[in-house]
Amino acid sequence: MSRLPLPEPDALPPYLKAIHDATPEENWLGRHFARAFAPAPDLVQAYQGFYHPWHTGGAGLLPARLKELVRLRIATLNGCVLCKSVRMAPETVTEDEAARGVDAPDGEGFTPRERAAIRFAEKMAVDHHNIGDEDVAQMRSHFSDAEFLELAMMAGQYIGFGRVLAMLQLEEASCPI
């Protein structure tokens, strides 16, 4: 049950109504997202204005696939069902990689750079105070300084916004009886 009221779709501001209406009916999490943010549509629009170009819109140095793998690993760690269920780069990350692969990055199919990025994202999400000089040096062996900074910033915003969504409890709980 959402921790914020979910206004009826017809009461949504135009930006959020467009998001709601473009989301498939069976994706109630996505629809709840649009409804929960009704009190702050400008906030969501500004955030998405940053998010989409940097995540999959070609901004930055890192490929969309790498950012999507990191986003999906963080979604698991955050316990954000909405983040884990959304596919932002389905043309570059297979469903198996999205659903299971990112949670076992040492398996086949990931490059050394992707493995390093997924491991770094995990440490950022669960143990950021213990990222040491060795961790940074290891990352810098795979990424330029600019790429490393981009990866760290993207991981940070995935962690933060995913935790906001998880905290809002946009999932529907139902009893099977």
N, C-alpha and C. Protein backbone atom coordinates (compact mmCIF):
# COMPACT_ATOMS: atom_id res chain seq x y z
N MET A 1 0.84 -1.17 0.00
CA MET A 1 0.00 0.00 0.00
C MET A 1 0.89 1.24 0.00
N SER A 2 0.60 2.14 -0.89
CA SER A 2 1.39 3.36 -1.02
C SER A 2 1.32 4.20 0.25
N ARG A 3 2.43 4.80 0.60
CA ARG A 3 2.48 5.68 1.77
C ARG A 3 1.97 7.08 1.47
N LEU A 4 1.72 7.36 0.22
CA LEU A 4 1.12 8.64 -0.17
C LEU A 4 -0.21 8.35 -0.87
N PRO A 5 -1.14 9.31 -0.79
CA PRO A 5 -2.40 9.11 -1.51
C PRO A 5 -2.15 8.96 -3.00
N LEU A 6 -2.96 8.14 -3.64
CA LEU A 6 -2.86 7.93 -5.08
C LEU A 6 -4.11 8.54 -5.73
N PRO A 7 -4.00 9.79 -6.21
CA PRO A 7 -5.17 10.42 -6.81
C PRO A 7 -5.64 9.62 -8.03
N GLU A 8 -6.89 9.79 -8.34
CA GLU A 8 -7.44 9.15 -9.53
C GLU A 8 -6.72 9.69 -10.76
N PRO A 9 -6.52 8.85 -11.77
CA PRO A 9 -5.78 9.28 -12.97
C PRO A 9 -6.31 10.57 -13.60
N ASP A 10 -7.62 10.78 -13.60
CA ASP A 10 -8.18 11.98 -14.22
C ASP A 10 -7.81 13.25 -13.47
N ALA A 11 -7.37 13.12 -12.22
CA ALA A 11 -6.98 14.29 -11.42
C ALA A 11 -5.49 14.61 -11.54
N LEU A 12 -4.74 13.81 -12.30
CA LEU A 12 -3.30 14.02 -12.41
C LEU A 12 -2.97 15.24 -13.26
N PRO A 13 -1.88 15.94 -12.91
CA PRO A 13 -1.39 17.01 -13.78
C PRO A 13 -1.00 16.42 -15.14
N PRO A 14 -1.02 17.22 -16.20
CA PRO A 14 -0.80 16.69 -17.56
C PRO A 14 0.47 15.85 -17.73
N TYR A 15 1.60 16.27 -17.17
CA TYR A 15 2.85 15.51 -17.35
C TYR A 15 2.71 14.11 -16.77
N LEU A 16 2.17 14.01 -15.57
CA LEU A 16 2.02 12.71 -14.92
C LEU A 16 0.88 11.90 -15.54
N LYS A 17 -0.16 12.56 -16.00
CA LYS A 17 -1.25 11.86 -16.69
C LYS A 17 -0.71 11.19 -17.95
N ALA A 18 0.18 11.88 -18.66
CA ALA A 18 0.78 11.30 -19.87
C ALA A 18 1.61 10.07 -19.52
N ILE A 19 2.38 10.13 -18.44
CA ILE A 19 3.16 8.97 -17.99
C ILE A 19 2.21 7.83 -17.62
N HIS A 20 1.20 8.13 -16.83
CA HIS A 20 0.24 7.13 -16.40
C HIS A 20 -0.42 6.45 -17.59
N ASP A 21 -0.92 7.26 -18.51
CA ASP A 21 -1.66 6.72 -19.65
C ASP A 21 -0.78 5.96 -20.63
N ALA A 22 0.52 6.29 -20.68
CA ALA A 22 1.44 5.58 -21.57
C ALA A 22 1.94 4.28 -20.96
N THR A 23 1.69 4.08 -19.66
CA THR A 23 2.13 2.88 -18.96
C THR A 23 1.06 1.79 -19.15
N PRO A 24 1.47 0.59 -19.58
CA PRO A 24 0.48 -0.48 -19.78
C PRO A 24 -0.34 -0.73 -18.51
N GLU A 25 -1.60 -1.05 -18.70
CA GLU A 25 -2.52 -1.26 -17.57
C GLU A 25 -2.00 -2.27 -16.56
N GLU A 26 -1.36 -3.32 -17.05
CA GLU A 26 -0.87 -4.36 -16.12
C GLU A 26 0.34 -3.89 -15.31
N ASN A 27 0.95 -2.77 -15.68
CA ASN A 27 2.10 -2.24 -14.93
C ASN A 27 1.59 -1.25 -13.89
N TRP A 28 0.92 -1.77 -12.87
CA TRP A 28 0.35 -0.90 -11.86
C TRP A 28 1.43 -0.18 -11.07
N LEU A 29 2.64 -0.73 -10.96
CA LEU A 29 3.72 -0.02 -10.27
C LEU A 29 4.04 1.29 -10.97
N GLY A 30 4.17 1.22 -12.29
CA GLY A 30 4.45 2.44 -13.06
C GLY A 30 3.32 3.44 -12.96
N ARG A 31 2.11 2.93 -12.98
CA ARG A 31 0.95 3.82 -12.85
C ARG A 31 0.88 4.42 -11.45
N HIS A 32 1.22 3.64 -10.42
CA HIS A 32 1.25 4.16 -9.06
C HIS A 32 2.33 5.23 -8.91
N PHE A 33 3.45 5.06 -9.60
CA PHE A 33 4.51 6.07 -9.57
C PHE A 33 3.94 7.42 -10.03
N ALA A 34 3.26 7.43 -11.17
CA ALA A 34 2.70 8.67 -11.69
C ALA A 34 1.70 9.27 -10.71
N ARG A 35 0.90 8.45 -10.10
CA ARG A 35 -0.13 8.93 -9.17
C ARG A 35 0.49 9.43 -7.85
N ALA A 36 1.51 8.74 -7.34
CA ALA A 36 2.11 9.12 -6.06
C ALA A 36 2.82 10.47 -6.15
N PHE A 37 3.35 10.79 -7.32
CA PHE A 37 4.08 12.06 -7.47
C PHE A 37 3.20 13.22 -7.91
N ALA A 38 1.88 13.05 -7.84
CA ALA A 38 0.96 14.12 -8.23
C ALA A 38 1.22 15.44 -7.49
N PRO A 39 1.61 15.42 -6.21
CA PRO A 39 1.87 16.70 -5.54
C PRO A 39 3.12 17.43 -6.06
N ALA A 40 3.97 16.74 -6.81
CA ALA A 40 5.24 17.35 -7.24
C ALA A 40 5.58 17.00 -8.70
N PRO A 41 4.70 17.31 -9.64
CA PRO A 41 4.98 16.95 -11.04
C PRO A 41 6.22 17.63 -11.60
N ASP A 42 6.49 18.87 -11.18
CA ASP A 42 7.67 19.58 -11.68
C ASP A 42 8.96 18.90 -11.21
N LEU A 43 8.93 18.36 -10.00
CA LEU A 43 10.09 17.64 -9.46
C LEU A 43 10.39 16.42 -10.32
N VAL A 44 9.36 15.65 -10.64
CA VAL A 44 9.55 14.45 -11.46
C VAL A 44 10.01 14.83 -12.86
N GLN A 45 9.39 15.85 -13.43
CA GLN A 45 9.77 16.26 -14.79
C GLN A 45 11.22 16.72 -14.84
N ALA A 46 11.66 17.49 -13.86
CA ALA A 46 13.05 17.95 -13.82
C ALA A 46 14.00 16.77 -13.62
N TYR A 47 13.63 15.86 -12.71
CA TYR A 47 14.48 14.70 -12.46
C TYR A 47 14.61 13.85 -13.72
N GLN A 48 13.49 13.59 -14.39
CA GLN A 48 13.55 12.78 -15.60
C GLN A 48 14.29 13.50 -16.72
N GLY A 49 14.27 14.82 -16.70
CA GLY A 49 15.06 15.58 -17.66
C GLY A 49 16.55 15.34 -17.50
N PHE A 50 16.98 15.09 -16.27
CA PHE A 50 18.37 14.71 -16.03
C PHE A 50 18.57 13.22 -16.31
N TYR A 51 17.70 12.42 -15.76
CA TYR A 51 17.87 10.98 -15.75
C TYR A 51 17.94 10.36 -17.15
N HIS A 52 16.95 10.61 -17.96
CA HIS A 52 16.86 9.93 -19.26
C HIS A 52 18.04 10.22 -20.19
N PRO A 53 18.48 11.45 -20.36
CA PRO A 53 19.64 11.66 -21.23
C PRO A 53 20.90 10.96 -20.71
N TRP A 54 21.10 10.97 -19.40
CA TRP A 54 22.31 10.36 -18.85
C TRP A 54 22.22 8.85 -18.78
N HIS A 55 21.02 8.33 -18.63
CA HIS A 55 20.92 6.87 -18.51
C HIS A 55 20.92 6.19 -19.88
N THR A 56 20.01 6.55 -20.75
CA THR A 56 19.92 5.86 -22.04
C THR A 56 19.90 6.80 -23.23
N GLY A 57 19.97 8.10 -22.98
CA GLY A 57 19.82 9.06 -24.07
C GLY A 57 21.08 9.50 -24.75
N GLY A 58 22.20 8.86 -24.48
CA GLY A 58 23.42 9.18 -25.18
C GLY A 58 24.31 10.21 -24.51
N ALA A 59 23.87 10.81 -23.41
CA ALA A 59 24.74 11.75 -22.69
C ALA A 59 25.79 10.94 -21.93
N GLY A 60 26.93 11.53 -21.75
CA GLY A 60 27.99 10.88 -20.99
C GLY A 60 28.88 9.99 -21.83
N LEU A 61 29.81 9.35 -21.16
CA LEU A 61 30.81 8.52 -21.81
C LEU A 61 30.48 7.03 -21.76
N LEU A 62 29.77 6.61 -20.73
CA LEU A 62 29.52 5.19 -20.52
C LEU A 62 28.37 4.70 -21.40
N PRO A 63 28.47 3.47 -21.90
CA PRO A 63 27.39 2.92 -22.73
C PRO A 63 26.14 2.64 -21.89
N ALA A 64 24.99 2.73 -22.55
CA ALA A 64 23.71 2.49 -21.89
C ALA A 64 23.67 1.11 -21.24
N ARG A 65 24.26 0.12 -21.88
CA ARG A 65 24.25 -1.24 -21.32
C ARG A 65 24.90 -1.27 -19.94
N LEU A 66 26.04 -0.65 -19.81
CA LEU A 66 26.75 -0.67 -18.54
C LEU A 66 25.93 0.03 -17.45
N LYS A 67 25.35 1.17 -17.79
CA LYS A 67 24.54 1.89 -16.81
C LYS A 67 23.30 1.10 -16.43
N GLU A 68 22.71 0.41 -17.40
CA GLU A 68 21.52 -0.39 -17.11
C GLU A 68 21.86 -1.58 -16.22
N LEU A 69 22.99 -2.22 -16.44
CA LEU A 69 23.41 -3.32 -15.57
C LEU A 69 23.59 -2.83 -14.14
N VAL A 70 24.22 -1.69 -13.98
CA VAL A 70 24.43 -1.10 -12.65
C VAL A 70 23.09 -0.75 -12.01
N ARG A 71 22.20 -0.13 -12.78
CA ARG A 71 20.88 0.25 -12.26
C ARG A 71 20.11 -0.97 -11.77
N LEU A 72 20.16 -2.04 -12.54
CA LEU A 72 19.41 -3.25 -12.17
C LEU A 72 20.00 -3.92 -10.93
N ARG A 73 21.32 -3.93 -10.79
CA ARG A 73 21.93 -4.52 -9.59
C ARG A 73 21.53 -3.72 -8.36
N ILE A 74 21.56 -2.40 -8.48
CA ILE A 74 21.17 -1.55 -7.36
C ILE A 74 19.69 -1.73 -7.05
N ALA A 75 18.86 -1.92 -8.06
CA ALA A 75 17.43 -2.15 -7.82
C ALA A 75 17.21 -3.37 -6.93
N THR A 76 17.97 -4.43 -7.18
CA THR A 76 17.86 -5.62 -6.33
C THR A 76 18.27 -5.28 -4.91
N LEU A 77 19.39 -4.61 -4.76
CA LEU A 77 19.91 -4.30 -3.43
C LEU A 77 19.00 -3.33 -2.67
N ASN A 78 18.36 -2.41 -3.38
CA ASN A 78 17.44 -1.47 -2.75
C ASN A 78 16.10 -2.11 -2.41
N GLY A 79 15.81 -3.25 -3.02
CA GLY A 79 14.50 -3.86 -2.83
C GLY A 79 13.41 -3.05 -3.52
N CYS A 80 13.76 -2.38 -4.61
CA CYS A 80 12.80 -1.56 -5.34
C CYS A 80 12.20 -2.39 -6.48
N VAL A 81 10.99 -2.88 -6.26
CA VAL A 81 10.32 -3.73 -7.23
C VAL A 81 10.10 -2.97 -8.54
N LEU A 82 9.71 -1.70 -8.45
CA LEU A 82 9.48 -0.90 -9.65
C LEU A 82 10.76 -0.79 -10.47
N CYS A 83 11.87 -0.43 -9.83
CA CYS A 83 13.14 -0.29 -10.54
C CYS A 83 13.58 -1.61 -11.18
N LYS A 84 13.38 -2.70 -10.46
CA LYS A 84 13.80 -4.00 -10.97
C LYS A 84 12.93 -4.47 -12.13
N SER A 85 11.67 -4.06 -12.15
CA SER A 85 10.76 -4.54 -13.19
C SER A 85 10.84 -3.72 -14.48
N VAL A 86 11.33 -2.50 -14.40
CA VAL A 86 11.40 -1.63 -15.58
C VAL A 86 12.64 -1.98 -16.39
N ARG A 87 12.48 -1.99 -17.69
CA ARG A 87 13.60 -2.23 -18.61
C ARG A 87 13.89 -0.95 -19.37
N MET A 88 14.96 -0.28 -18.97
CA MET A 88 15.31 1.01 -19.58
C MET A 88 16.13 0.83 -20.85
N ALA A 89 16.80 -0.29 -20.99
CA ALA A 89 17.63 -0.53 -22.18
C ALA A 89 17.48 -1.97 -22.64
N PRO A 90 16.25 -2.38 -23.00
CA PRO A 90 16.01 -3.78 -23.33
C PRO A 90 16.76 -4.24 -24.57
N GLU A 91 17.17 -3.32 -25.41
CA GLU A 91 17.91 -3.70 -26.61
C GLU A 91 19.37 -4.03 -26.31
N THR A 92 19.85 -3.68 -25.11
CA THR A 92 21.25 -3.94 -24.78
C THR A 92 21.45 -4.90 -23.62
N VAL A 93 20.41 -5.14 -22.83
CA VAL A 93 20.50 -6.05 -21.68
C VAL A 93 19.38 -7.08 -21.85
N THR A 94 19.76 -8.35 -21.92
CA THR A 94 18.75 -9.40 -22.10
C THR A 94 17.88 -9.52 -20.85
N GLU A 95 16.73 -10.14 -21.01
CA GLU A 95 15.83 -10.34 -19.87
C GLU A 95 16.50 -11.20 -18.80
N ASP A 96 17.24 -12.22 -19.22
CA ASP A 96 17.92 -13.07 -18.23
C ASP A 96 18.97 -12.28 -17.47
N GLU A 97 19.72 -11.43 -18.16
CA GLU A 97 20.71 -10.58 -17.47
C GLU A 97 20.01 -9.64 -16.50
N ALA A 98 18.90 -9.08 -16.92
CA ALA A 98 18.17 -8.13 -16.08
C ALA A 98 17.57 -8.82 -14.86
N ALA A 99 16.97 -9.97 -15.07
CA ALA A 99 16.27 -10.65 -13.98
C ALA A 99 17.21 -11.35 -13.02
N ARG A 100 18.30 -11.95 -13.54
CA ARG A 100 19.16 -12.77 -12.68
C ARG A 100 20.65 -12.48 -12.83
N GLY A 101 21.08 -12.20 -14.02
CA GLY A 101 22.51 -12.08 -14.29
C GLY A 101 23.23 -11.03 -13.48
N VAL A 102 22.62 -9.86 -13.31
CA VAL A 102 23.29 -8.79 -12.58
C VAL A 102 23.50 -9.14 -11.11
N ASP A 103 22.76 -10.12 -10.64
CA ASP A 103 22.91 -10.53 -9.24
C ASP A 103 23.97 -11.61 -9.06
N ALA A 104 24.57 -12.04 -10.16
CA ALA A 104 25.70 -12.98 -10.15
C ALA A 104 26.66 -12.55 -11.27
N PRO A 105 27.30 -11.39 -11.12
CA PRO A 105 28.06 -10.81 -12.23
C PRO A 105 29.32 -11.58 -12.62
N ASP A 106 29.72 -12.56 -11.85
CA ASP A 106 30.91 -13.32 -12.22
C ASP A 106 30.60 -14.40 -13.25
N GLY A 107 29.33 -14.55 -13.58
CA GLY A 107 28.94 -15.53 -14.59
C GLY A 107 29.36 -15.10 -15.98
N GLU A 108 29.07 -15.96 -16.93
CA GLU A 108 29.41 -15.66 -18.32
C GLU A 108 28.59 -14.50 -18.85
N GLY A 109 29.11 -13.86 -19.87
CA GLY A 109 28.34 -12.84 -20.56
C GLY A 109 28.69 -11.41 -20.18
N PHE A 110 29.45 -11.21 -19.12
CA PHE A 110 29.83 -9.86 -18.74
C PHE A 110 31.31 -9.63 -19.01
N THR A 111 31.62 -8.45 -19.51
CA THR A 111 33.02 -8.09 -19.74
C THR A 111 33.68 -7.75 -18.40
N PRO A 112 35.01 -7.71 -18.37
CA PRO A 112 35.68 -7.30 -17.12
C PRO A 112 35.23 -5.92 -16.64
N ARG A 113 35.01 -4.99 -17.57
CA ARG A 113 34.53 -3.65 -17.19
C ARG A 113 33.14 -3.73 -16.57
N GLU A 114 32.26 -4.52 -17.16
CA GLU A 114 30.90 -4.66 -16.62
C GLU A 114 30.93 -5.29 -15.24
N ARG A 115 31.76 -6.33 -15.08
CA ARG A 115 31.87 -6.96 -13.76
C ARG A 115 32.37 -5.97 -12.71
N ALA A 116 33.38 -5.19 -13.07
CA ALA A 116 33.93 -4.19 -12.14
C ALA A 116 32.86 -3.16 -11.78
N ALA A 117 32.09 -2.70 -12.77
CA ALA A 117 31.06 -1.70 -12.52
C ALA A 117 29.96 -2.25 -11.62
N ILE A 118 29.54 -3.48 -11.87
CA ILE A 118 28.48 -4.09 -11.05
C ILE A 118 28.97 -4.27 -9.62
N ARG A 119 30.19 -4.74 -9.45
CA ARG A 119 30.74 -4.92 -8.09
C ARG A 119 30.87 -3.58 -7.37
N PHE A 120 31.35 -2.56 -8.10
CA PHE A 120 31.48 -1.23 -7.51
C PHE A 120 30.10 -0.70 -7.09
N ALA A 121 29.10 -0.86 -7.94
CA ALA A 121 27.75 -0.39 -7.62
C ALA A 121 27.23 -1.08 -6.36
N GLU A 122 27.51 -2.37 -6.25
CA GLU A 122 27.08 -3.11 -5.06
C GLU A 122 27.74 -2.54 -3.81
N LYS A 123 29.02 -2.27 -3.90
CA LYS A 123 29.72 -1.73 -2.73
C LYS A 123 29.21 -0.32 -2.41
N MET A 124 28.92 0.47 -3.43
CA MET A 124 28.34 1.80 -3.19
C MET A 124 27.01 1.67 -2.45
N ALA A 125 26.22 0.67 -2.81
CA ALA A 125 24.89 0.52 -2.23
C ALA A 125 24.90 -0.06 -0.82
N VAL A 126 25.86 -0.91 -0.50
CA VAL A 126 25.79 -1.61 0.78
C VAL A 126 26.96 -1.32 1.73
N ASP A 127 28.04 -0.73 1.23
CA ASP A 127 29.23 -0.57 2.08
C ASP A 127 30.09 0.60 1.62
N HIS A 128 29.47 1.71 1.28
CA HIS A 128 30.21 2.83 0.69
C HIS A 128 31.30 3.41 1.58
N HIS A 129 31.17 3.28 2.90
CA HIS A 129 32.20 3.80 3.80
C HIS A 129 33.49 2.98 3.71
N ASN A 130 33.41 1.79 3.18
CA ASN A 130 34.60 0.94 3.07
C ASN A 130 35.13 0.83 1.64
N ILE A 131 34.78 1.77 0.80
CA ILE A 131 35.42 1.84 -0.52
C ILE A 131 36.77 2.51 -0.28
N GLY A 132 37.81 1.75 -0.54
CA GLY A 132 39.15 2.24 -0.24
C GLY A 132 39.96 2.57 -1.49
N ASP A 133 41.20 2.92 -1.26
CA ASP A 133 42.10 3.27 -2.36
C ASP A 133 42.26 2.12 -3.35
N GLU A 134 42.31 0.89 -2.84
CA GLU A 134 42.43 -0.26 -3.74
C GLU A 134 41.22 -0.39 -4.66
N ASP A 135 40.04 -0.15 -4.10
CA ASP A 135 38.82 -0.22 -4.90
C ASP A 135 38.85 0.84 -6.01
N VAL A 136 39.24 2.04 -5.66
CA VAL A 136 39.30 3.12 -6.64
C VAL A 136 40.37 2.83 -7.69
N ALA A 137 41.51 2.35 -7.27
CA ALA A 137 42.58 2.01 -8.23
C ALA A 137 42.11 0.90 -9.17
N GLN A 138 41.38 -0.07 -8.64
CA GLN A 138 40.86 -1.16 -9.47
C GLN A 138 39.90 -0.61 -10.52
N MET A 139 39.04 0.30 -10.10
CA MET A 139 38.09 0.91 -11.04
C MET A 139 38.83 1.74 -12.09
N ARG A 140 39.86 2.44 -11.67
CA ARG A 140 40.60 3.28 -12.61
C ARG A 140 41.42 2.44 -13.59
N SER A 141 41.60 1.16 -13.30
CA SER A 141 42.26 0.29 -14.28
C SER A 141 41.30 -0.09 -15.41
N HIS A 142 40.01 0.08 -15.18
CA HIS A 142 38.99 -0.25 -16.18
C HIS A 142 38.35 0.99 -16.82
N PHE A 143 38.39 2.11 -16.11
CA PHE A 143 37.68 3.31 -16.54
C PHE A 143 38.58 4.53 -16.47
N SER A 144 38.37 5.46 -17.39
CA SER A 144 39.06 6.75 -17.29
C SER A 144 38.51 7.46 -16.05
N ASP A 145 39.19 8.52 -15.63
CA ASP A 145 38.70 9.26 -14.47
C ASP A 145 37.31 9.82 -14.73
N ALA A 146 37.07 10.33 -15.92
CA ALA A 146 35.76 10.88 -16.26
C ALA A 146 34.69 9.78 -16.24
N GLU A 147 35.01 8.61 -16.77
CA GLU A 147 34.06 7.50 -16.75
C GLU A 147 33.77 7.05 -15.32
N PHE A 148 34.81 6.99 -14.50
CA PHE A 148 34.64 6.58 -13.11
C PHE A 148 33.72 7.56 -12.37
N LEU A 149 33.93 8.85 -12.58
CA LEU A 149 33.08 9.84 -11.93
C LEU A 149 31.63 9.71 -12.41
N GLU A 150 31.45 9.50 -13.71
CA GLU A 150 30.10 9.31 -14.24
C GLU A 150 29.45 8.07 -13.62
N LEU A 151 30.19 6.98 -13.54
CA LEU A 151 29.66 5.75 -12.95
C LEU A 151 29.27 5.98 -11.49
N ALA A 152 30.13 6.65 -10.74
CA ALA A 152 29.84 6.90 -9.32
C ALA A 152 28.60 7.78 -9.17
N MET A 153 28.48 8.82 -10.01
CA MET A 153 27.30 9.70 -9.94
C MET A 153 26.02 8.94 -10.31
N MET A 154 26.09 8.14 -11.36
CA MET A 154 24.91 7.39 -11.77
C MET A 154 24.52 6.39 -10.68
N ALA A 155 25.50 5.68 -10.14
CA ALA A 155 25.20 4.73 -9.07
C ALA A 155 24.55 5.44 -7.88
N GLY A 156 25.08 6.59 -7.53
CA GLY A 156 24.53 7.35 -6.41
C GLY A 156 23.08 7.75 -6.63
N GLN A 157 22.78 8.21 -7.83
CA GLN A 157 21.39 8.61 -8.07
C GLN A 157 20.48 7.41 -8.19
N TYR A 158 20.97 6.27 -8.73
CA TYR A 158 20.14 5.06 -8.75
C TYR A 158 19.82 4.61 -7.32
N ILE A 159 20.83 4.64 -6.46
CA ILE A 159 20.64 4.24 -5.07
C ILE A 159 19.60 5.15 -4.41
N GLY A 160 19.79 6.44 -4.55
CA GLY A 160 18.91 7.39 -3.88
C GLY A 160 17.47 7.33 -4.35
N PHE A 161 17.25 7.40 -5.66
CA PHE A 161 15.87 7.42 -6.15
C PHE A 161 15.21 6.06 -5.96
N GLY A 162 15.96 4.99 -6.12
CA GLY A 162 15.40 3.66 -5.88
C GLY A 162 14.93 3.49 -4.45
N ARG A 163 15.68 4.07 -3.52
CA ARG A 163 15.28 3.98 -2.11
C ARG A 163 14.05 4.83 -1.84
N VAL A 164 13.93 5.97 -2.51
CA VAL A 164 12.71 6.77 -2.38
C VAL A 164 11.51 5.95 -2.85
N LEU A 165 11.63 5.33 -4.01
CA LEU A 165 10.52 4.54 -4.55
C LEU A 165 10.19 3.36 -3.64
N ALA A 166 11.21 2.67 -3.12
CA ALA A 166 10.96 1.54 -2.22
C ALA A 166 10.29 2.03 -0.94
N MET A 167 10.72 3.17 -0.41
CA MET A 167 10.14 3.71 0.81
C MET A 167 8.67 4.09 0.61
N LEU A 168 8.31 4.54 -0.58
CA LEU A 168 6.93 4.94 -0.86
C LEU A 168 5.98 3.74 -0.91
N GLN A 169 6.52 2.55 -1.02
CA GLN A 169 5.73 1.32 -1.04
C GLN A 169 4.61 1.39 -2.09
N LEU A 170 5.03 1.52 -3.34
CA LEU A 170 4.06 1.61 -4.42
C LEU A 170 3.54 0.24 -4.86
N GLU A 171 4.08 -0.82 -4.26
CA GLU A 171 3.63 -2.16 -4.60
C GLU A 171 2.23 -2.39 -4.06
N GLU A 172 1.50 -3.26 -4.70
CA GLU A 172 0.19 -3.68 -4.19
C GLU A 172 0.37 -5.01 -3.46
N ALA A 173 -0.04 -5.03 -2.24
CA ALA A 173 -0.01 -6.29 -1.50
C ALA A 173 -1.40 -6.90 -1.54
N SER A 174 -1.45 -8.19 -1.81
CA SER A 174 -2.76 -8.84 -1.84
C SER A 174 -2.64 -10.21 -1.17
N CYS A 175 -3.71 -10.61 -0.61
CA CYS A 175 -3.78 -11.91 0.05
C CYS A 175 -4.28 -12.93 -0.96
N PRO A 176 -3.62 -14.08 -1.09
CA PRO A 176 -4.02 -15.06 -2.10
C PRO A 176 -5.32 -15.78 -1.79
N ILE A 177 -5.88 -15.57 -0.61
CA ILE A 177 -7.13 -16.26 -0.22
C ILE A 177 -8.33 -15.61 -0.84
